[in-house]
PDB file of all heavy atoms in Angstrom:
ATOM      1  N   VAL A   1     152.313  98.415 132.820  1.00  0.00           N
ATOM      2  CA  VAL A   1     153.608  98.359 133.511  1.00  0.00           C
ATOM      3  C   VAL A   1     153.489  98.973 134.898  1.00  0.00           C
ATOM      4  O   VAL A   1     153.944  98.394 135.900  1.00  0.00           O
ATOM      5  CB  VAL A   1     154.689  99.089 132.683  1.00  0.00           C
ATOM      6  CG1 VAL A   1     155.962  99.297 133.507  1.00  0.00           C
ATOM      7  CG2 VAL A   1     155.012  98.308 131.414  1.00  0.00           C
ATOM      8  N   VAL A   2     152.861 100.132 134.994  1.00  0.00           N
ATOM      9  CA  VAL A   2     152.696 100.793 136.292  1.00  0.00           C
ATOM     10  C   VAL A   2     151.869  99.922 137.231  1.00  0.00           C
ATOM     11  O   VAL A   2     152.227  99.732 138.406  1.00  0.00           O
ATOM     12  CB  VAL A   2     152.045 102.177 136.108  1.00  0.00           C
ATOM     13  CG1 VAL A   2     151.646 102.773 137.458  1.00  0.00           C
ATOM     14  CG2 VAL A   2     152.990 103.120 135.370  1.00  0.00           C
ATOM     15  N   ALA A   3     150.778  99.363 136.735  1.00  0.00           N
ATOM     16  CA  ALA A   3     149.924  98.517 137.576  1.00  0.00           C
ATOM     17  C   ALA A   3     150.683  97.293 138.066  1.00  0.00           C
ATOM     18  O   ALA A   3     150.582  96.905 139.240  1.00  0.00           O
ATOM     19  CB  ALA A   3     148.674  98.105 136.807  1.00  0.00           C
ATOM     20  N   ASP A   4     151.465  96.667 137.181  1.00  0.00           N
ATOM     21  CA  ASP A   4     152.229  95.474 137.571  1.00  0.00           C
ATOM     22  C   ASP A   4     153.214  95.792 138.688  1.00  0.00           C
ATOM     23  O   ASP A   4     153.342  95.040 139.659  1.00  0.00           O
ATOM     24  CB  ASP A   4     152.988  94.921 136.354  1.00  0.00           C
ATOM     25  CG  ASP A   4     152.085  94.185 135.378  1.00  0.00           C
ATOM     26  OD1 ASP A   4     150.922  93.924 135.732  1.00  0.00           O
ATOM     27  OD2 ASP A   4     152.551  93.880 134.264  1.00  0.00           O
ATOM     28  N   VAL A   5     153.935  96.911 138.554  1.00  0.00           N
ATOM     29  CA  VAL A   5     154.959  97.246 139.542  1.00  0.00           C
ATOM     30  C   VAL A   5     154.322  97.656 140.875  1.00  0.00           C
ATOM     31  O   VAL A   5     154.792  97.264 141.950  1.00  0.00           O
ATOM     32  CB  VAL A   5     155.884  98.358 138.998  1.00  0.00           C
ATOM     33  CG1 VAL A   5     156.837  98.849 140.084  1.00  0.00           C
ATOM     34  CG2 VAL A   5     156.679  97.842 137.796  1.00  0.00           C
ATOM     35  N   LEU A   6     153.237  98.415 140.814  1.00  0.00           N
ATOM     36  CA  LEU A   6     152.617  98.884 142.063  1.00  0.00           C
ATOM     37  C   LEU A   6     151.921  97.777 142.843  1.00  0.00           C
ATOM     38  O   LEU A   6     151.613  97.967 144.021  1.00  0.00           O
ATOM     39  CB  LEU A   6     151.623 100.010 141.765  1.00  0.00           C
ATOM     40  CG  LEU A   6     152.221 101.345 141.310  1.00  0.00           C
ATOM     41  CD1 LEU A   6     151.147 102.421 141.252  1.00  0.00           C
ATOM     42  CD2 LEU A   6     153.372 101.786 142.215  1.00  0.00           C
ATOM     43  N   ARG A   7     151.680  96.635 142.230  1.00  0.00           N
ATOM     44  CA  ARG A   7     151.090  95.509 142.971  1.00  0.00           C
ATOM     45  C   ARG A   7     151.994  95.073 144.127  1.00  0.00           C
ATOM     46  O   ARG A   7     151.522  94.585 145.152  1.00  0.00           O
ATOM     47  CB  ARG A   7     150.835  94.328 142.038  1.00  0.00           C
ATOM     48  CG  ARG A   7     149.622  94.508 141.145  1.00  0.00           C
ATOM     49  CD  ARG A   7     149.257  93.224 140.417  1.00  0.00           C
ATOM     50  NE  ARG A   7     148.179  93.479 139.477  1.00  0.00           N
ATOM     51  CZ  ARG A   7     148.345  93.699 138.176  1.00  0.00           C
ATOM     52  NH1 ARG A   7     149.568  93.652 137.665  1.00  0.00           N
ATOM     53  NH2 ARG A   7     147.324  93.942 137.399  1.00  0.00           N
ATOM     54  N   THR A   8     153.294  95.217 143.938  1.00  0.00           N
ATOM     55  CA  THR A   8     154.238  94.803 144.985  1.00  0.00           C
ATOM     56  C   THR A   8     154.931  95.982 145.648  1.00  0.00           C
ATOM     57  O   THR A   8     155.750  95.784 146.539  1.00  0.00           O
ATOM     58  CB  THR A   8     155.309  93.863 144.401  1.00  0.00           C
ATOM     59  OG1 THR A   8     156.005  94.535 143.349  1.00  0.00           O
ATOM     60  CG2 THR A   8     154.663  92.591 143.850  1.00  0.00           C
ATOM     61  N   ARG A   9     154.609  97.207 145.211  1.00  0.00           N
ATOM     62  CA  ARG A   9     155.263  98.390 145.771  1.00  0.00           C
ATOM     63  C   ARG A   9     154.196  99.295 146.390  1.00  0.00           C
ATOM     64  O   ARG A   9     153.832 100.332 145.841  1.00  0.00           O
ATOM     65  CB  ARG A   9     156.049  99.128 144.690  1.00  0.00           C
ATOM     66  CG  ARG A   9     157.260  98.363 144.180  1.00  0.00           C
ATOM     67  CD  ARG A   9     158.288  98.109 145.276  1.00  0.00           C
ATOM     68  NE  ARG A   9     158.808  99.328 145.855  1.00  0.00           N
ATOM     69  CZ  ARG A   9     159.977  99.865 145.506  1.00  0.00           C
ATOM     70  NH1 ARG A   9     160.735  99.299 144.591  1.00  0.00           N
ATOM     71  NH2 ARG A   9     160.400 100.972 146.106  1.00  0.00           N
ATOM     72  N   THR A  10     153.711  98.890 147.532  1.00  0.00           N
ATOM     73  CA  THR A  10     152.668  99.655 148.204  1.00  0.00           C
ATOM     74  C   THR A  10     153.208 100.931 148.833  1.00  0.00           C
ATOM     75  O   THR A  10     152.436 101.735 149.377  1.00  0.00           O
ATOM     76  CB  THR A  10     152.002  98.796 149.293  1.00  0.00           C
ATOM     77  OG1 THR A  10     153.012  98.326 150.199  1.00  0.00           O
ATOM     78  CG2 THR A  10     151.284  97.607 148.667  1.00  0.00           C
ATOM     79  N   ASP A  11     154.535 101.150 148.737  1.00  0.00           N
ATOM     80  CA  ASP A  11     155.111 102.386 149.256  1.00  0.00           C
ATOM     81  C   ASP A  11     154.930 103.553 148.294  1.00  0.00           C
ATOM     82  O   ASP A  11     155.291 104.687 148.625  1.00  0.00           O
ATOM     83  CB  ASP A  11     156.596 102.195 149.591  1.00  0.00           C
ATOM     84  CG  ASP A  11     157.395 101.582 148.454  1.00  0.00           C
ATOM     85  OD1 ASP A  11     156.804 100.862 147.616  1.00  0.00           O
ATOM     86  OD2 ASP A  11     158.627 101.801 148.409  1.00  0.00           O
ATOM     87  N   PHE A  12     154.371 103.283 147.102  1.00  0.00           N
ATOM     88  CA  PHE A  12     154.101 104.347 146.140  1.00  0.00           C
ATOM     89  C   PHE A  12     152.651 104.297 145.692  1.00  0.00           C
ATOM     90  O   PHE A  12     152.048 103.214 145.606  1.00  0.00           O
ATOM     91  CB  PHE A  12     155.011 104.231 144.907  1.00  0.00           C
ATOM     92  CG  PHE A  12     156.377 104.817 145.112  1.00  0.00           C
ATOM     93  CD1 PHE A  12     157.384 104.069 145.714  1.00  0.00           C
ATOM     94  CD2 PHE A  12     156.665 106.117 144.721  1.00  0.00           C
ATOM     95  CE1 PHE A  12     158.643 104.602 145.924  1.00  0.00           C
ATOM     96  CE2 PHE A  12     157.924 106.649 144.927  1.00  0.00           C
ATOM     97  CZ  PHE A  12     158.918 105.900 145.523  1.00  0.00           C
ATOM     98  N   VAL A  13     152.095 105.478 145.384  1.00  0.00           N
ATOM     99  CA  VAL A  13     150.723 105.577 144.870  1.00  0.00           C
ATOM    100  C   VAL A  13     150.728 106.489 143.649  1.00  0.00           C
ATOM    101  O   VAL A  13     151.605 107.349 143.490  1.00  0.00           O
ATOM    102  CB  VAL A  13     149.758 106.140 145.939  1.00  0.00           C
ATOM    103  CG1 VAL A  13     149.631 105.175 147.109  1.00  0.00           C
ATOM    104  CG2 VAL A  13     150.208 107.520 146.400  1.00  0.00           C
ATOM    105  N   ARG A  14     149.739 106.307 142.794  1.00  0.00           N
ATOM    106  CA  ARG A  14     149.572 107.189 141.643  1.00  0.00           C
ATOM    107  C   ARG A  14     148.985 108.514 142.093  1.00  0.00           C
ATOM    108  O   ARG A  14     148.107 108.567 142.963  1.00  0.00           O
ATOM    109  CB  ARG A  14     148.640 106.550 140.615  1.00  0.00           C
ATOM    110  CG  ARG A  14     149.305 105.579 139.693  1.00  0.00           C
ATOM    111  CD  ARG A  14     148.321 104.957 138.731  1.00  0.00           C
ATOM    112  NE  ARG A  14     147.341 105.929 138.213  1.00  0.00           N
ATOM    113  CZ  ARG A  14     146.345 105.612 137.398  1.00  0.00           C
ATOM    114  NH1 ARG A  14     146.181 104.367 137.025  1.00  0.00           N
ATOM    115  NH2 ARG A  14     145.515 106.537 136.973  1.00  0.00           N
ATOM    116  N   SER A  15     149.444 109.607 141.495  1.00  0.00           N
ATOM    117  CA  SER A  15     148.912 110.932 141.769  1.00  0.00           C
ATOM    118  C   SER A  15     148.487 111.586 140.454  1.00  0.00           C
ATOM    119  O   SER A  15     148.848 111.118 139.369  1.00  0.00           O
ATOM    120  CB  SER A  15     149.944 111.802 142.484  1.00  0.00           C
ATOM    121  OG  SER A  15     150.199 111.300 143.783  1.00  0.00           O
ATOM    122  N   ASP A  16     147.738 112.680 140.583  1.00  0.00           N
ATOM    123  CA  ASP A  16     147.136 113.321 139.410  1.00  0.00           C
ATOM    124  C   ASP A  16     148.139 114.240 138.722  1.00  0.00           C
ATOM    125  O   ASP A  16     148.556 115.258 139.292  1.00  0.00           O
ATOM    126  CB  ASP A  16     145.897 114.108 139.850  1.00  0.00           C
ATOM    127  CG  ASP A  16     145.085 114.630 138.673  1.00  0.00           C
ATOM    128  OD1 ASP A  16     145.537 114.479 137.517  1.00  0.00           O
ATOM    129  OD2 ASP A  16     144.000 115.187 138.916  1.00  0.00           O
ATOM    130  N   VAL A  17     148.512 113.894 137.492  1.00  0.00           N
ATOM    131  CA  VAL A  17     149.454 114.703 136.718  1.00  0.00           C
ATOM    132  C   VAL A  17     148.919 116.121 136.503  1.00  0.00           C
ATOM    133  O   VAL A  17     149.696 117.076 136.373  1.00  0.00           O
ATOM    134  CB  VAL A  17     149.758 114.013 135.369  1.00  0.00           C
ATOM    135  CG1 VAL A  17     150.598 114.918 134.467  1.00  0.00           C
ATOM    136  CG2 VAL A  17     150.477 112.689 135.595  1.00  0.00           C
ATOM    137  N   ALA A  18     147.600 116.285 136.494  1.00  0.00           N
ATOM    138  CA  ALA A  18     147.013 117.610 136.267  1.00  0.00           C
ATOM    139  C   ALA A  18     147.477 118.625 137.305  1.00  0.00           C
ATOM    140  O   ALA A  18     147.494 119.836 137.044  1.00  0.00           O
ATOM    141  CB  ALA A  18     145.492 117.516 136.257  1.00  0.00           C
ATOM    142  N   ASP A  19     147.877 118.158 138.489  1.00  0.00           N
ATOM    143  CA  ASP A  19     148.333 119.068 139.534  1.00  0.00           C
ATOM    144  C   ASP A  19     149.691 119.684 139.220  1.00  0.00           C
ATOM    145  O   ASP A  19     150.113 120.623 139.904  1.00  0.00           O
ATOM    146  CB  ASP A  19     148.426 118.325 140.879  1.00  0.00           C
ATOM    147  CG  ASP A  19     147.063 117.913 141.417  1.00  0.00           C
ATOM    148  OD1 ASP A  19     146.046 118.484 140.961  1.00  0.00           O
ATOM    149  OD2 ASP A  19     147.025 117.016 142.278  1.00  0.00           O
ATOM    150  N   LEU A  20     150.383 119.173 138.197  1.00  0.00           N
ATOM    151  CA  LEU A  20     151.741 119.621 137.895  1.00  0.00           C
ATOM    152  C   LEU A  20     151.831 120.528 136.674  1.00  0.00           C
ATOM    153  O   LEU A  20     152.917 121.042 136.377  1.00  0.00           O
ATOM    154  CB  LEU A  20     152.651 118.406 137.655  1.00  0.00           C
ATOM    155  CG  LEU A  20     152.704 117.336 138.746  1.00  0.00           C
ATOM    156  CD1 LEU A  20     153.594 116.182 138.291  1.00  0.00           C
ATOM    157  CD2 LEU A  20     153.204 117.923 140.053  1.00  0.00           C
ATOM    158  N   VAL A  21     150.722 120.716 135.959  1.00  0.00           N
ATOM    159  CA  VAL A  21     150.817 121.315 134.616  1.00  0.00           C
ATOM    160  C   VAL A  21     149.905 122.527 134.486  1.00  0.00           C
ATOM    161  O   VAL A  21     149.004 122.760 135.307  1.00  0.00           O
ATOM    162  CB  VAL A  21     150.455 120.273 133.535  1.00  0.00           C
ATOM    163  CG1 VAL A  21     151.436 119.115 133.564  1.00  0.00           C
ATOM    164  CG2 VAL A  21     149.023 119.765 133.708  1.00  0.00           C
ATOM    165  N   ASN A  22     150.121 123.293 133.412  1.00  0.00           N
ATOM    166  CA  ASN A  22     149.257 124.435 133.117  1.00  0.00           C
ATOM    167  C   ASN A  22     147.967 123.963 132.452  1.00  0.00           C
ATOM    168  O   ASN A  22     147.797 122.779 132.138  1.00  0.00           O
ATOM    169  CB  ASN A  22     149.990 125.460 132.235  1.00  0.00           C
ATOM    170  CG  ASN A  22     150.441 124.867 130.896  1.00  0.00           C
ATOM    171  OD1 ASN A  22     149.738 124.082 130.261  1.00  0.00           O
ATOM    172  ND2 ASN A  22     151.640 125.262 130.461  1.00  0.00           N
ATOM    173  N   GLU A  23     147.050 124.874 132.236  1.00  0.00           N
ATOM    174  CA  GLU A  23     145.733 124.514 131.709  1.00  0.00           C
ATOM    175  C   GLU A  23     145.821 123.892 130.321  1.00  0.00           C
ATOM    176  O   GLU A  23     145.044 122.992 129.988  1.00  0.00           O
ATOM    177  CB  GLU A  23     144.826 125.743 131.676  1.00  0.00           C
ATOM    178  CG  GLU A  23     144.391 126.238 133.051  1.00  0.00           C
ATOM    179  CD  GLU A  23     143.421 127.397 132.974  1.00  0.00           C
ATOM    180  OE1 GLU A  23     143.030 127.770 131.833  1.00  0.00           O
ATOM    181  OE2 GLU A  23     143.041 127.935 134.033  1.00  0.00           O
ATOM    182  N   SER A  24     146.744 124.365 129.515  1.00  0.00           N
ATOM    183  CA  SER A  24     146.856 123.836 128.146  1.00  0.00           C
ATOM    184  C   SER A  24     147.268 122.365 128.147  1.00  0.00           C
ATOM    185  O   SER A  24     146.767 121.569 127.343  1.00  0.00           O
ATOM    186  CB  SER A  24     147.872 124.658 127.346  1.00  0.00           C
ATOM    187  OG  SER A  24     147.429 125.985 127.186  1.00  0.00           O
ATOM    188  N   VAL A  25     148.177 122.002 129.042  1.00  0.00           N
ATOM    189  CA  VAL A  25     148.594 120.605 129.141  1.00  0.00           C
ATOM    190  C   VAL A  25     147.527 119.781 129.854  1.00  0.00           C
ATOM    191  O   VAL A  25     147.289 118.614 129.510  1.00  0.00           O
ATOM    192  CB  VAL A  25     149.948 120.492 129.866  1.00  0.00           C
ATOM    193  CG1 VAL A  25     150.364 119.026 130.016  1.00  0.00           C
ATOM    194  CG2 VAL A  25     151.029 121.262 129.120  1.00  0.00           C
ATOM    195  N   ALA A  26     146.861 120.367 130.838  1.00  0.00           N
ATOM    196  CA  ALA A  26     145.857 119.639 131.617  1.00  0.00           C
ATOM    197  C   ALA A  26     144.725 119.096 130.746  1.00  0.00           C
ATOM    198  O   ALA A  26     144.089 118.104 131.107  1.00  0.00           O
ATOM    199  CB  ALA A  26     145.287 120.542 132.707  1.00  0.00           C
ATOM    200  N   ARG A  27     144.494 119.688 129.592  1.00  0.00           N
ATOM    201  CA  ARG A  27     143.478 119.182 128.651  1.00  0.00           C
ATOM    202  C   ARG A  27     143.772 117.754 128.219  1.00  0.00           C
ATOM    203  O   ARG A  27     142.864 117.030 127.791  1.00  0.00           O
ATOM    204  CB  ARG A  27     143.419 120.071 127.397  1.00  0.00           C
ATOM    205  CG  ARG A  27     142.876 121.459 127.610  1.00  0.00           C
ATOM    206  CD  ARG A  27     142.920 122.247 126.302  1.00  0.00           C
ATOM    207  NE  ARG A  27     142.380 121.476 125.201  1.00  0.00           N
ATOM    208  CZ  ARG A  27     142.985 121.337 124.024  1.00  0.00           C
ATOM    209  NH1 ARG A  27     144.178 121.867 123.807  1.00  0.00           N
ATOM    210  NH2 ARG A  27     142.422 120.622 123.057  1.00  0.00           N
ATOM    211  N   TRP A  28     145.037 117.377 128.324  1.00  0.00           N
ATOM    212  CA  TRP A  28     145.460 116.060 127.847  1.00  0.00           C
ATOM    213  C   TRP A  28     145.616 115.051 128.979  1.00  0.00           C
ATOM    214  O   TRP A  28     146.135 113.957 128.765  1.00  0.00           O
ATOM    215  CB  TRP A  28     146.767 116.191 127.063  1.00  0.00           C
ATOM    216  CG  TRP A  28     146.629 117.129 125.904  1.00  0.00           C
ATOM    217  CD1 TRP A  28     146.928 118.459 125.881  1.00  0.00           C
ATOM    218  CD2 TRP A  28     146.092 116.832 124.615  1.00  0.00           C
ATOM    219  NE1 TRP A  28     146.622 119.007 124.660  1.00  0.00           N
ATOM    220  CE2 TRP A  28     146.097 118.027 123.858  1.00  0.00           C
ATOM    221  CE3 TRP A  28     145.605 115.673 124.016  1.00  0.00           C
ATOM    222  CZ2 TRP A  28     145.651 118.101 122.548  1.00  0.00           C
ATOM    223  CZ3 TRP A  28     145.163 115.733 122.703  1.00  0.00           C
ATOM    224  CH2 TRP A  28     145.181 116.928 121.986  1.00  0.00           C
TER     225      TRP A  28
END
């Protein structure tokens, strides 16, 4: 779903979720 939508929405890019979470969540 994300890939399909971003094909036409070049105004958004994927970013790393690990930058938002603590170490315990980052394992996932």
